Amino acid sequence: SVSAIKQHNNLSDNLLRVGQVLQIPVI
């Protein structure tokens, strides 16, 4: 369903943001 796809996209965006935040202190 469209809502399920939207939720998945939001989850992916959140994971990418978390990954970026975690990578900043490492660099």
N, C-alpha and C. Protein backbone atom coordinates (compact mmCIF):
# COMPACT_ATOMS: atom_id res chain seq x y z
N SER A 1 0.84 -1.21 0.00
CA SER A 1 0.00 0.00 0.00
C SER A 1 0.87 1.24 0.00
N VAL A 2 0.28 2.36 -0.35
CA VAL A 2 1.04 3.62 -0.42
C VAL A 2 1.55 4.00 0.96
N SER A 3 0.72 3.83 1.98
CA SER A 3 1.14 4.22 3.34
C SER A 3 2.32 3.38 3.81
N ALA A 4 2.33 2.10 3.43
CA ALA A 4 3.44 1.23 3.83
C ALA A 4 4.73 1.69 3.16
N ILE A 5 4.63 2.06 1.89
CA ILE A 5 5.81 2.55 1.17
C ILE A 5 6.30 3.85 1.80
N LYS A 6 5.36 4.71 2.17
CA LYS A 6 5.73 5.98 2.78
C LYS A 6 6.44 5.74 4.11
N GLN A 7 5.93 4.80 4.89
CA GLN A 7 6.57 4.48 6.17
C GLN A 7 7.98 3.96 5.93
N HIS A 8 8.14 3.10 4.93
CA HIS A 8 9.46 2.53 4.64
C HIS A 8 10.43 3.64 4.23
N ASN A 9 9.95 4.59 3.42
CA ASN A 9 10.80 5.70 3.00
C ASN A 9 11.21 6.54 4.20
N ASN A 10 10.28 6.78 5.12
CA ASN A 10 10.59 7.57 6.31
C ASN A 10 11.64 6.84 7.14
N LEU A 11 11.50 5.52 7.26
CA LEU A 11 12.46 4.74 8.04
C LEU A 11 13.84 4.81 7.40
N SER A 12 13.89 4.70 6.08
CA SER A 12 15.17 4.76 5.37
C SER A 12 15.81 6.13 5.57
N ASP A 13 15.02 7.20 5.49
CA ASP A 13 15.54 8.55 5.69
C ASP A 13 16.09 8.69 7.10
N ASN A 14 15.37 8.14 8.09
CA ASN A 14 15.83 8.23 9.47
C ASN A 14 17.15 7.48 9.65
N LEU A 15 17.28 6.32 9.04
CA LEU A 15 18.51 5.54 9.15
C LEU A 15 19.67 6.29 8.51
N LEU A 16 19.42 6.93 7.37
CA LEU A 16 20.48 7.69 6.70
C LEU A 16 20.92 8.86 7.57
N ARG A 17 19.94 9.54 8.20
CA ARG A 17 20.28 10.69 9.06
C ARG A 17 21.09 10.23 10.25
N VAL A 18 20.68 9.11 10.86
CA VAL A 18 21.42 8.58 12.01
C VAL A 18 22.83 8.21 11.60
N GLY A 19 22.97 7.58 10.43
CA GLY A 19 24.29 7.20 9.94
C GLY A 19 25.17 8.42 9.73
N GLN A 20 24.62 9.47 9.19
CA GLN A 20 25.39 10.69 8.96
C GLN A 20 25.82 11.30 10.29
N VAL A 21 24.91 11.31 11.26
CA VAL A 21 25.23 11.89 12.57
C VAL A 21 26.33 11.08 13.26
N LEU A 22 26.26 9.75 13.13
CA LEU A 22 27.26 8.90 13.78
C LEU A 22 28.61 9.01 13.08
N GLN A 23 28.60 9.27 11.78
CA GLN A 23 29.85 9.33 11.03
C GLN A 23 30.60 10.64 11.28
N ILE A 24 29.88 11.70 11.61
CA ILE A 24 30.53 13.01 11.77
C ILE A 24 31.59 12.99 12.89
N PRO A 25 31.28 12.46 14.11
CA PRO A 25 32.29 12.45 15.17
C PRO A 25 33.47 11.54 14.82
N VAL A 26 33.22 10.48 14.06
CA VAL A 26 34.30 9.55 13.71
C VAL A 26 35.31 10.25 12.81
N ILE A 27 34.82 11.06 11.88
CA ILE A 27 35.71 11.78 10.97
C ILE A 27 36.31 12.96 11.73
